[in-house]
Amino acid sequence: MATSEFLQRLTVKAPENNVSKNRGRTVSSARSTRATVVLWILADAATVVLALLVSFKLTFGGIVQGLRAVHLSASNLPVFRHPGALLLGYLIWFIAAIVVVSRRYHLYEPLRITSTFHEQRMTMQACFTAGLLLTGGLYLVHGEVISRALVLLTILITTAMLCARRLGWRAIIYRRFERGLETRNILIIGTGRIGQALRNHIDSVRHLGYTFKGYIHVPGVDLDMPSMSGEVLGGVDHVFDLAREHFVDEIFVASPCERGLVKHIVAQARNAGVDIRVVPDLYDGLAWNSSVEYVGQFPTIPLHREEAHELGHFLKRALDIVLSGMSTLAVSPLLIGIAVAIKLDSPGPIFYRSDRIGKKGRVFKCVKFRTMVLDAERRRADILHMNERDSVLFKITNDPRITGLGHLLRKYSLDELPQFFNVLRGDMSIVGPRPPLASEVKQYELSHLRRLDVTPGITGLWQVQARQDPSFDSYISLDTAYIENWSLWLDIKILIRTVAVVVRGTGS
């Protein structure tokens, strides 16, 4: 919102009846993006179609037999001469009813908004309500020729499938939350009673998917509490430097700060790409004219939210899984051959596993084929003076630690093939900034952490455009340019250029 709109919200008070309306249910001012809603609607439509086909099978033994049965029943009704039109109308009406009622029950809202039990209850309620609309519609158009068993089975099977699909999706997301994937890092401004209660609530509710990073102290408002000293990261003047350092996605204002300070924080949040929420009870007048979004049981008001590209990220992840799975199967004989060759070439393990820093500073094991001698890490200090790159990067063209086979594997980037397993696990993407070592990240300036905002990749803009460039500034600028201009088409172009780089053997 603009600054003037924000000031108006601080001073305008709406009628009392809006309070009870918002208290009784979750009202999200931050709807899912339109593309994400379309995806869920298409998934619901596909589920209904599948449920109808299963119902035909159970009722008539198949779709052809069912059409014949409907045709015989409808043949005496001129308006229903064509059974296909009747069934198509029946299907479209039920899908439309499911979508409309599901939107009314907020089933296309972000996952964090509702609990599993609430979502399952609302899904069943939406299906049964849509079922009533379906039967009512069939009655009004005299569509009694459609078997009651078919209608009942379609409603019941649709309900079961939608509940199972949403439950399965939650299980997948929760599993990713437990691994630290797709969680949102948060800071809480305020160390008082409300801030502590909010932190405890967020920690206790699994499906919220939040990771608490620390408190921000507000001088003159918050009391000094020695017991919390380890969790207080700093003062409010440095909140966005701390947000950058800890890869924070969202900041909760849980302290009664001055309105001018909140206004300043919102303005900075726009530039930093960080979401801001406030606890409305702390700001008289703010809650009454704004939509309230419940985080668990806590009412909050989003003051700023970054645009999310859920559809693009979903398609990128789908592309990662498909390409990684197909590539792994296609080159599996090559993987076996390389593994045998490594064992015969030099003593040591087949794979080299190293701790790398992924998205938002998450540590994961990056897997590659071993291309160096067994004691390569111990010998690193002896050859630091041979480094050909500047600043943080370390690279030697003729590294004496590389084995004979290792030179060949690196030339054609074959040593990186096992990283497809990292992609399948979700630790990496096929395209993205290269995952750095912890020792490299320790030398980063605050602005360099920008490259850790996204999932690291096997290949990227730097690899296809400036792989032999020794400049660390070029390395950072290309990764930043990729992040700021990301699109699925850019990923595809990088993949095409990667194939050319690999074929030419210009790897290192």
Protein backbone atom coordinates (compact mmCIF):
# COMPACT_ATOMS: atom_id res chain seq x y z
CA MET A 1 0.00 0.00 0.00
CA ALA A 2 1.13 3.60 -0.44
CA THR A 3 2.34 5.58 2.56
CA SER A 4 -0.74 7.79 2.55
CA GLU A 5 -3.01 4.73 2.55
CA PHE A 6 -1.08 3.30 5.47
CA LEU A 7 -1.57 6.50 7.49
CA GLN A 8 -5.26 6.47 6.67
CA ARG A 9 -5.54 2.91 7.96
CA LEU A 10 -3.95 3.98 11.21
CA THR A 11 -6.64 6.59 11.78
CA VAL A 12 -9.84 5.17 10.23
CA LYS A 13 -12.10 3.00 12.32
CA ALA A 14 -14.82 0.83 10.81
CA PRO A 15 -18.02 -0.38 12.46
CA GLU A 16 -17.94 -2.87 15.29
CA ASN A 17 -19.76 -5.60 13.35
CA ASN A 18 -16.70 -6.15 11.14
CA VAL A 19 -14.80 -7.36 14.19
CA SER A 20 -16.98 -10.34 14.96
CA LYS A 21 -17.11 -11.17 11.28
CA ASN A 22 -13.32 -11.37 11.07
CA ARG A 23 -12.91 -13.10 14.42
CA GLY A 24 -15.13 -15.99 13.45
CA ARG A 25 -13.23 -17.10 10.37
CA THR A 26 -9.96 -16.73 8.56
CA VAL A 27 -9.96 -13.83 6.10
CA SER A 28 -6.78 -13.66 4.06
CA SER A 29 -5.62 -10.33 2.67
CA ALA A 30 -2.87 -12.26 0.94
CA ARG A 31 -4.69 -14.58 -1.40
CA SER A 32 -2.89 -17.26 -3.28
CA THR A 33 -1.71 -15.94 -6.62
CA ARG A 34 -4.15 -16.27 -9.48
CA ALA A 35 -1.96 -18.82 -11.24
CA THR A 36 -1.84 -21.03 -8.13
CA VAL A 37 -5.63 -20.87 -7.75
CA VAL A 38 -6.01 -21.89 -11.40
CA LEU A 39 -3.75 -24.90 -10.80
CA TRP A 40 -5.88 -26.04 -7.84
CA ILE A 41 -9.09 -25.51 -9.83
CA LEU A 42 -7.73 -27.61 -12.69
CA ALA A 43 -6.71 -30.31 -10.20
CA ASP A 44 -10.22 -30.32 -8.73
CA ALA A 45 -11.76 -30.52 -12.21
CA ALA A 46 -9.52 -33.46 -13.13
CA THR A 47 -10.50 -35.18 -9.88
CA VAL A 48 -14.21 -34.82 -10.67
CA VAL A 49 -13.70 -36.23 -14.18
CA LEU A 50 -11.79 -39.20 -12.76
CA ALA A 51 -14.48 -39.75 -10.11
CA LEU A 52 -17.18 -39.75 -12.83
CA LEU A 53 -15.28 -42.35 -14.87
CA VAL A 54 -14.89 -44.58 -11.81
CA SER A 55 -18.58 -44.16 -11.04
CA PHE A 56 -19.51 -45.19 -14.58
CA LYS A 57 -17.38 -48.30 -14.17
CA LEU A 58 -18.99 -49.23 -10.86
CA THR A 59 -22.55 -48.43 -11.96
CA PHE A 60 -22.69 -49.67 -15.55
CA GLY A 61 -19.45 -51.55 -16.08
CA GLY A 62 -17.95 -48.85 -18.31
CA ILE A 63 -18.48 -45.49 -20.02
CA VAL A 64 -19.90 -47.00 -23.24
CA GLN A 65 -22.52 -49.05 -21.38
CA GLY A 66 -23.39 -46.00 -19.29
CA LEU A 67 -23.94 -43.82 -22.36
CA ARG A 68 -26.22 -46.46 -23.84
CA ALA A 69 -28.22 -46.63 -20.62
CA VAL A 70 -28.63 -42.86 -20.51
CA HIS A 71 -29.55 -42.80 -24.20
CA LEU A 72 -32.31 -45.35 -23.67
CA SER A 73 -33.67 -43.43 -20.69
CA ALA A 74 -33.51 -40.05 -22.45
CA SER A 75 -34.73 -41.13 -25.90
CA ASN A 76 -38.33 -40.18 -25.13
CA LEU A 77 -37.36 -36.65 -24.05
CA PRO A 78 -36.78 -34.37 -27.07
CA VAL A 79 -34.52 -31.99 -25.15
CA PHE A 80 -32.17 -34.87 -24.29
CA ARG A 81 -31.85 -36.58 -27.65
CA HIS A 82 -28.07 -36.63 -27.31
CA PRO A 83 -26.95 -38.35 -24.08
CA GLY A 84 -23.44 -36.91 -24.41
CA ALA A 85 -24.75 -33.35 -24.10
CA LEU A 86 -26.71 -34.28 -20.98
CA LEU A 87 -23.70 -35.89 -19.33
CA LEU A 88 -21.38 -33.05 -20.34
CA GLY A 89 -23.75 -30.53 -18.83
CA TYR A 90 -23.98 -32.67 -15.68
CA LEU A 91 -20.19 -32.78 -15.44
CA ILE A 92 -19.64 -29.05 -16.07
CA TRP A 93 -22.31 -28.09 -13.54
CA PHE A 94 -20.79 -30.29 -10.83
CA ILE A 95 -17.26 -28.97 -11.50
CA ALA A 96 -18.52 -25.38 -11.40
CA ALA A 97 -20.32 -26.06 -8.12
CA ILE A 98 -17.21 -27.64 -6.59
CA VAL A 99 -15.04 -24.67 -7.60
CA VAL A 100 -17.47 -21.98 -6.45
CA VAL A 101 -18.16 -23.61 -3.09
CA SER A 102 -14.46 -24.42 -2.52
CA ARG A 103 -13.53 -20.79 -3.10
CA ARG A 104 -16.31 -19.74 -0.74
CA TYR A 105 -14.83 -22.04 1.92
CA HIS A 106 -11.28 -20.68 1.31
CA LEU A 107 -9.95 -24.06 0.16
CA TYR A 108 -7.67 -22.35 -2.35
CA GLU A 109 -5.96 -20.29 0.34
CA PRO A 110 -2.28 -20.83 1.30
CA LEU A 111 -1.61 -24.08 3.14
CA ARG A 112 -0.52 -22.27 6.31
CA ILE A 113 -3.92 -20.71 6.83
CA THR A 114 -5.78 -23.82 7.95
CA SER A 115 -5.10 -27.02 9.84
CA THR A 116 -5.41 -30.49 8.34
CA PHE A 117 -8.64 -31.24 10.20
CA HIS A 118 -10.22 -27.94 9.16
CA GLU A 119 -9.29 -28.46 5.52
CA GLN A 120 -10.69 -32.00 5.49
CA ARG A 121 -13.93 -30.85 7.11
CA MET A 122 -14.30 -27.96 4.65
CA THR A 123 -13.54 -30.27 1.71
CA MET A 124 -16.29 -32.69 2.68
CA GLN A 125 -18.68 -29.83 3.31
CA ALA A 126 -17.86 -28.31 -0.08
CA CYS A 127 -18.42 -31.63 -1.88
CA PHE A 128 -21.75 -32.31 -0.20
CA THR A 129 -22.92 -28.73 -0.83
CA ALA A 130 -21.91 -29.04 -4.49
CA GLY A 131 -23.71 -32.40 -4.56
CA LEU A 132 -26.91 -30.72 -3.37
CA LEU A 133 -26.52 -28.09 -6.09
CA LEU A 134 -26.01 -30.87 -8.63
CA THR A 135 -29.11 -32.81 -7.64
CA GLY A 136 -31.12 -29.59 -7.50
CA GLY A 137 -29.94 -28.63 -10.96
CA LEU A 138 -30.79 -32.04 -12.37
CA TYR A 139 -34.28 -31.78 -10.87
CA LEU A 140 -34.88 -28.33 -12.39
CA VAL A 141 -33.90 -29.46 -15.91
CA HIS A 142 -35.74 -32.77 -15.53
CA GLY A 143 -32.50 -34.72 -15.65
CA GLU A 144 -33.87 -37.61 -13.60
CA VAL A 145 -32.87 -39.90 -16.47
CA ILE A 146 -29.36 -39.93 -15.04
CA SER A 147 -29.00 -42.81 -12.63
CA ARG A 148 -29.29 -41.85 -8.96
CA ALA A 149 -26.58 -44.40 -8.20
CA LEU A 150 -24.26 -42.64 -10.67
CA VAL A 151 -24.90 -39.25 -9.06
CA LEU A 152 -24.43 -40.55 -5.52
CA LEU A 153 -21.27 -42.46 -6.39
CA THR A 154 -19.79 -39.44 -8.21
CA ILE A 155 -20.35 -37.24 -5.16
CA LEU A 156 -18.93 -39.78 -2.71
CA ILE A 157 -15.92 -40.72 -4.85
CA THR A 158 -15.17 -37.05 -5.57
CA THR A 159 -15.25 -36.35 -1.83
CA ALA A 160 -12.91 -39.24 -1.07
CA MET A 161 -10.48 -38.32 -3.85
CA LEU A 162 -10.34 -34.62 -2.97
CA CYS A 163 -9.79 -35.39 0.71
CA ALA A 164 -7.07 -37.93 -0.13
CA ARG A 165 -5.36 -35.59 -2.58
CA ARG A 166 -5.27 -32.67 -0.16
CA LEU A 167 -4.14 -34.93 2.67
CA GLY A 168 -1.36 -36.36 0.50
CA TRP A 169 -0.24 -32.88 -0.57
CA ARG A 170 -0.05 -31.80 3.07
CA ALA A 171 2.00 -34.87 3.93
CA ILE A 172 4.48 -33.97 1.19
CA ILE A 173 4.71 -30.34 2.32
CA TYR A 174 5.08 -31.30 6.00
CA ARG A 175 7.88 -33.70 5.12
CA ARG A 176 9.64 -30.88 3.30
CA PHE A 177 9.10 -28.59 6.29
CA GLU A 178 10.79 -31.16 8.53
CA ARG A 179 13.80 -31.16 6.20
CA GLY A 180 13.94 -27.37 6.31
CA LEU A 181 12.63 -26.97 2.75
CA GLU A 182 10.09 -24.29 1.81
CA THR A 183 9.83 -22.97 5.36
CA ARG A 184 9.64 -19.24 5.96
CA ASN A 185 12.22 -17.65 8.25
CA ILE A 186 10.78 -15.01 10.57
CA LEU A 187 11.90 -12.28 12.94
CA ILE A 188 9.69 -10.93 15.70
CA ILE A 189 9.97 -7.25 16.58
CA GLY A 190 9.30 -7.06 20.30
CA THR A 191 10.42 -9.17 23.23
CA GLY A 192 7.33 -8.57 25.35
CA ARG A 193 4.53 -10.90 26.32
CA ILE A 194 2.85 -10.86 22.90
CA GLY A 195 6.12 -11.45 21.05
CA GLN A 196 6.99 -14.42 23.25
CA ALA A 197 3.48 -15.88 22.96
CA LEU A 198 3.62 -15.54 19.17
CA ARG A 199 6.99 -17.28 19.05
CA ASN A 200 5.78 -20.17 21.25
CA HIS A 201 2.64 -20.57 19.15
CA ILE A 202 4.57 -20.63 15.86
CA ASP A 203 6.99 -23.21 17.25
CA SER A 204 4.15 -25.44 18.45
CA VAL A 205 2.00 -25.48 15.28
CA ARG A 206 3.63 -27.74 12.71
CA HIS A 207 1.64 -26.85 9.61
CA LEU A 208 2.55 -23.16 9.72
CA GLY A 209 5.97 -23.95 8.26
CA TYR A 210 7.73 -21.05 10.01
CA THR A 211 11.27 -21.05 11.39
CA PHE A 212 11.93 -18.57 14.18
CA LYS A 213 15.27 -16.80 13.76
CA GLY A 214 15.24 -14.33 16.62
CA TYR A 215 13.81 -11.24 18.30
CA ILE A 216 14.40 -7.60 17.45
CA HIS A 217 14.63 -5.30 20.48
CA VAL A 218 12.76 -1.97 20.47
CA PRO A 219 14.57 0.49 22.79
CA GLY A 220 12.31 2.34 25.18
CA VAL A 221 9.48 -0.13 24.62
CA ASP A 222 10.81 -3.62 25.35
CA LEU A 223 12.25 -4.44 28.74
CA ASP A 224 15.74 -5.91 28.90
CA MET A 225 15.43 -9.63 29.65
CA PRO A 226 18.78 -11.37 30.34
CA SER A 227 17.21 -14.82 29.86
CA MET A 228 16.47 -13.95 26.20
CA SER A 229 19.84 -12.42 25.39
CA GLY A 230 20.81 -15.32 23.12
CA GLU A 231 17.65 -14.91 21.02
CA VAL A 232 17.74 -11.12 20.66
CA LEU A 233 19.66 -10.47 17.45
CA GLY A 234 19.83 -6.70 17.69
CA GLY A 235 17.94 -3.44 17.68
CA VAL A 236 15.21 -2.26 15.37
CA ASP A 237 17.60 0.14 13.60
CA HIS A 238 19.40 -2.83 12.05
CA VAL A 239 16.38 -5.04 11.41
CA PHE A 240 16.87 -5.38 7.63
CA ASP A 241 20.60 -6.05 7.87
CA LEU A 242 19.72 -8.84 10.28
CA ALA A 243 16.94 -10.00 7.95
CA ARG A 244 19.45 -10.26 5.09
CA GLU A 245 21.95 -12.11 7.28
CA HIS A 246 19.39 -14.69 8.44
CA PHE A 247 17.50 -15.04 5.11
CA VAL A 248 14.29 -13.75 6.66
CA ASP A 249 11.08 -13.94 4.63
CA GLU A 250 8.69 -12.31 7.05
CA ILE A 251 8.80 -9.92 10.00
CA PHE A 252 6.11 -9.82 12.70
CA VAL A 253 5.65 -6.56 14.58
CA ALA A 254 4.57 -7.69 18.06
CA SER A 255 5.55 -4.58 20.00
CA PRO A 256 3.60 -1.30 20.25
CA CYS A 257 6.07 0.72 18.16
CA GLU A 258 5.43 4.29 17.13
CA ARG A 259 3.39 4.55 13.97
CA GLY A 260 6.16 6.47 12.26
CA LEU A 261 8.54 3.60 12.95
CA VAL A 262 6.10 1.05 11.54
CA LYS A 263 5.66 3.22 8.46
CA HIS A 264 9.44 3.35 8.03
CA ILE A 265 9.74 -0.44 8.42
CA VAL A 266 7.07 -1.03 5.76
CA ALA A 267 8.87 1.30 3.34
CA GLN A 268 12.14 -0.57 3.91
CA ALA A 269 10.39 -3.92 3.53
CA ARG A 270 9.37 -3.00 -0.02
CA ASN A 271 12.98 -2.43 -0.97
CA ALA A 272 14.25 -5.51 0.88
CA GLY A 273 11.58 -7.89 -0.44
CA VAL A 274 10.47 -8.91 3.05
CA ASP A 275 6.85 -9.43 4.14
CA ILE A 276 5.54 -7.48 7.15
CA ARG A 277 2.73 -8.33 9.55
CA VAL A 278 1.51 -6.60 12.68
CA VAL A 279 -0.54 -7.91 15.58
CA PRO A 280 -3.68 -5.73 15.26
CA ASP A 281 -4.51 -5.47 18.97
CA LEU A 282 -1.39 -3.35 19.39
CA TYR A 283 -2.57 -0.71 16.93
CA ASP A 284 -5.86 0.95 17.73
CA GLY A 285 -7.74 1.61 14.52
CA LEU A 286 -5.57 -0.49 12.22
CA ALA A 287 -7.47 -3.76 12.54
CA TRP A 288 -10.93 -2.42 11.91
CA ASN A 289 -10.36 -1.32 8.33
CA SER A 290 -8.09 -4.16 7.21
CA SER A 291 -8.46 -7.82 6.40
CA VAL A 292 -7.23 -10.11 9.14
CA GLU A 293 -5.22 -13.24 8.44
CA TYR A 294 -4.86 -15.78 11.22
CA VAL A 295 -1.44 -17.34 11.76
CA GLY A 296 -2.57 -20.34 13.75
CA GLN A 297 -4.70 -18.66 16.41
CA PHE A 298 -2.95 -15.28 16.15
CA PRO A 299 -4.75 -12.54 14.22
CA THR A 300 -2.30 -10.55 12.09
CA ILE A 301 -2.55 -7.85 9.44
CA PRO A 302 -0.22 -8.11 6.45
CA LEU A 303 1.07 -4.60 5.67
CA HIS A 304 3.30 -5.69 2.80
CA ARG A 305 3.65 -8.94 0.88
CA GLU A 306 6.04 -9.76 -1.91
CA GLU A 307 4.51 -11.17 -5.07
CA ALA A 308 4.95 -14.93 -5.09
CA HIS A 309 5.61 -16.82 -8.32
CA GLU A 310 4.10 -20.11 -7.17
CA LEU A 311 3.16 -21.30 -10.65
CA GLY A 312 6.64 -20.64 -12.04
CA HIS A 313 8.30 -22.35 -9.07
CA PHE A 314 5.91 -25.29 -9.33
CA LEU A 315 6.73 -25.73 -13.02
CA LYS A 316 10.46 -25.35 -12.31
CA ARG A 317 10.28 -28.08 -9.66
CA ALA A 318 8.24 -30.31 -11.99
CA LEU A 319 10.83 -29.77 -14.74
CA ASP A 320 13.62 -30.62 -12.28
CA ILE A 321 11.97 -33.90 -11.28
CA VAL A 322 11.13 -34.95 -14.85
CA LEU A 323 14.52 -34.08 -16.36
CA SER A 324 16.51 -35.48 -13.43
CA GLY A 325 14.56 -38.73 -13.38
CA MET A 326 14.81 -39.22 -17.15
CA SER A 327 18.49 -38.24 -17.23
CA THR A 328 19.38 -40.60 -14.39
CA LEU A 329 17.67 -43.51 -16.12
CA ALA A 330 19.20 -42.64 -19.51
CA VAL A 331 22.79 -42.43 -18.24
CA SER A 332 22.57 -45.21 -15.65
CA PRO A 333 24.95 -47.47 -17.67
CA LEU A 334 27.39 -44.56 -17.88
CA LEU A 335 27.10 -43.99 -14.11
CA ILE A 336 27.97 -47.62 -13.46
CA GLY A 337 30.89 -47.48 -15.91
CA ILE A 338 32.30 -44.32 -14.28
CA ALA A 339 31.94 -45.84 -10.81
CA VAL A 340 33.92 -48.92 -11.85
CA ALA A 341 36.56 -46.76 -13.56
CA ILE A 342 37.05 -44.61 -10.46
CA LYS A 343 37.57 -47.69 -8.31
CA LEU A 344 40.17 -49.04 -10.75
CA ASP A 345 41.90 -45.67 -11.25
CA SER A 346 42.81 -44.74 -7.67
CA PRO A 347 42.15 -45.84 -4.08
CA GLY A 348 39.27 -44.20 -2.29
CA PRO A 349 35.48 -43.93 -2.39
CA ILE A 350 33.52 -43.57 -5.63
CA PHE A 351 31.62 -40.50 -4.52
CA TYR A 352 32.81 -37.26 -2.99
CA ARG A 353 30.36 -35.74 -0.52
CA SER A 354 30.86 -32.23 0.77
CA ASP A 355 28.80 -29.90 2.91
CA ARG A 356 27.39 -27.11 0.77
CA ILE A 357 25.25 -24.11 1.58
CA GLY A 358 21.87 -24.16 -0.10
CA LYS A 359 18.81 -21.96 -0.16
CA LYS A 360 18.54 -19.65 2.87
CA GLY A 361 21.79 -20.96 4.30
CA ARG A 362 20.62 -24.56 4.65
CA VAL A 363 23.48 -27.08 4.77
CA PHE A 364 23.20 -30.22 2.65
CA LYS A 365 25.45 -32.97 1.29
CA CYS A 366 26.39 -32.35 -2.33
CA VAL A 367 27.33 -35.54 -4.17
CA LYS A 368 29.83 -35.76 -7.05
CA PHE A 369 32.05 -38.44 -8.52
CA ARG A 370 35.46 -38.32 -6.84
CA THR A 371 38.03 -36.70 -9.14
CA MET A 372 40.85 -36.10 -6.64
CA VAL A 373 43.24 -38.19 -4.61
CA LEU A 374 42.17 -39.44 -1.22
CA ASP A 375 44.04 -36.82 0.84
CA ALA A 376 43.05 -33.85 -1.33
CA GLU A 377 41.62 -31.81 1.53
CA ARG A 378 44.76 -32.18 3.63
CA ARG A 379 46.93 -31.02 0.71
CA ARG A 380 44.77 -27.95 -0.03
CA ALA A 381 46.77 -25.69 2.28
CA ASP A 382 49.98 -26.56 0.44
CA ILE A 383 48.70 -25.27 -2.89
CA LEU A 384 46.74 -22.17 -1.85
CA HIS A 385 49.47 -20.00 -3.40
CA MET A 386 48.62 -21.50 -6.80
CA ASN A 387 45.04 -20.19 -6.77
CA GLU A 388 44.06 -18.63 -10.12
CA ARG A 389 40.85 -16.99 -8.97
CA ASP A 390 40.44 -13.84 -6.93
CA SER A 391 38.83 -13.17 -3.55
CA VAL A 392 36.61 -16.02 -2.30
CA LEU A 393 36.91 -18.42 -5.26
CA PHE A 394 39.55 -21.14 -5.42
CA LYS A 395 40.53 -22.80 -8.69
CA ILE A 396 43.72 -24.26 -10.20
CA THR A 397 43.73 -25.34 -13.84
CA ASN A 398 46.33 -28.06 -13.38
CA ASP A 399 45.52 -29.01 -9.81
CA PRO A 400 48.06 -31.70 -8.79
CA ARG A 401 45.45 -33.41 -6.63
CA ILE A 402 43.24 -34.35 -9.59
CA THR A 403 43.53 -37.96 -10.73
CA GLY A 404 44.10 -39.00 -14.33
CA LEU A 405 40.47 -40.04 -14.75
CA GLY A 406 39.39 -36.95 -12.82
CA HIS A 407 40.72 -34.65 -15.56
CA LEU A 408 38.51 -36.39 -18.13
CA LEU A 409 35.44 -36.34 -15.87
CA ARG A 410 35.85 -32.63 -15.16
CA LYS A 411 36.47 -31.72 -18.79
CA TYR A 412 33.04 -33.03 -19.79
CA SER A 413 31.36 -32.26 -16.41
CA LEU A 414 30.68 -35.98 -15.91
CA ASP A 415 31.70 -35.71 -12.25
CA GLU A 416 28.50 -33.72 -11.62
CA LEU A 417 26.07 -36.40 -12.84
CA PRO A 418 25.34 -37.71 -9.29
CA GLN A 419 23.97 -34.28 -8.43
CA PHE A 420 20.77 -35.31 -10.19
CA PHE A 421 20.04 -37.21 -6.95
CA ASN A 422 20.41 -33.91 -5.05
CA VAL A 423 17.89 -32.42 -7.47
CA LEU A 424 15.41 -35.25 -6.89
CA ARG A 425 15.74 -34.73 -3.13
CA GLY A 426 15.02 -31.04 -3.52
CA ASP A 427 18.39 -29.84 -2.23
CA MET A 428 19.32 -28.52 -5.67
CA SER A 429 17.74 -27.51 -8.95
CA ILE A 430 19.06 -28.25 -12.41
CA VAL A 431 19.54 -24.52 -13.04
CA GLY A 432 20.64 -22.05 -10.38
CA PRO A 433 23.69 -20.54 -8.69
CA ARG A 434 26.36 -23.06 -7.74
CA PRO A 435 26.18 -24.15 -4.07
CA PRO A 436 29.14 -22.60 -2.20
CA LEU A 437 31.26 -24.08 0.57
CA ALA A 438 30.76 -22.84 4.13
CA SER A 439 34.30 -21.44 4.08
CA GLU A 440 33.34 -19.30 1.07
CA VAL A 441 30.12 -18.03 2.63
CA LYS A 442 32.05 -16.90 5.72
CA GLN A 443 33.90 -14.47 3.46
CA TYR A 444 30.75 -13.09 1.83
CA GLU A 445 29.68 -9.52 2.33
CA LEU A 446 26.06 -8.96 3.30
CA SER A 447 25.00 -8.19 -0.28
CA HIS A 448 26.57 -11.44 -1.53
CA LEU A 449 24.03 -13.47 0.46
CA ARG A 450 21.49 -12.55 -2.20
CA ARG A 451 22.67 -15.54 -4.26
CA LEU A 452 21.49 -17.85 -1.47
CA ASP A 453 17.88 -16.71 -1.79
CA VAL A 454 17.17 -19.43 -4.35
CA THR A 455 17.81 -23.16 -4.68
CA PRO A 456 21.35 -23.81 -6.00
CA GLY A 457 21.78 -25.57 -9.32
CA ILE A 458 23.96 -27.97 -11.27
CA THR A 459 24.36 -25.41 -14.03
CA GLY A 460 23.66 -21.71 -14.25
CA LEU A 461 24.26 -18.42 -15.99
CA TRP A 462 27.83 -18.15 -14.72
CA GLN A 463 28.72 -21.68 -15.85
CA VAL A 464 27.63 -21.07 -19.46
CA GLN A 465 28.74 -17.46 -19.78
CA ALA A 466 31.86 -16.85 -17.67
CA ARG A 467 33.08 -20.17 -16.31
CA GLN A 468 36.73 -19.36 -16.97
CA ASP A 469 36.43 -15.78 -15.67
CA PRO A 470 38.54 -15.50 -12.48
CA SER A 471 36.60 -12.49 -11.17
CA PHE A 472 34.50 -13.04 -8.05
CA ASP A 473 32.54 -9.85 -8.83
CA SER A 474 31.52 -11.33 -12.18
CA TYR A 475 30.51 -14.53 -10.42
CA ILE A 476 28.26 -12.62 -8.01
CA SER A 477 26.81 -10.24 -10.60
CA LEU A 478 25.79 -13.05 -12.95
CA ASP A 479 24.12 -15.00 -10.15
CA THR A 480 22.31 -11.86 -9.01
CA ALA A 481 21.20 -11.12 -12.57
CA TYR A 482 19.84 -14.67 -12.85
CA ILE A 483 17.84 -14.31 -9.62
CA GLU A 484 16.40 -10.91 -10.49
CA ASN A 485 15.47 -11.87 -14.07
CA TRP A 486 14.46 -15.47 -13.49
CA SER A 487 11.91 -17.10 -15.74
CA LEU A 488 11.28 -20.63 -16.92
CA TRP A 489 12.36 -19.60 -20.41
CA LEU A 490 15.70 -18.36 -19.02
CA ASP A 491 16.24 -21.78 -17.43
CA ILE A 492 15.53 -23.50 -20.74
CA LYS A 493 18.00 -21.25 -22.59
CA ILE A 494 20.68 -21.96 -19.97
CA LEU A 495 20.05 -25.71 -20.33
CA ILE A 496 20.49 -25.49 -24.11
CA ARG A 497 23.74 -23.56 -23.71
CA THR A 498 24.90 -26.07 -21.07
CA VAL A 499 24.60 -28.91 -23.58
CA ALA A 500 26.87 -27.00 -25.96
CA VAL A 501 29.42 -26.35 -23.18
CA VAL A 502 29.49 -30.02 -22.18
CA VAL A 503 29.84 -31.25 -25.77
CA ARG A 504 32.74 -28.86 -26.40
CA GLY A 505 34.46 -30.14 -23.25
CA THR A 506 35.09 -26.69 -21.78
CA GLY A 507 34.40 -27.80 -18.22
CA SER A 508 37.03 -27.55 -15.52
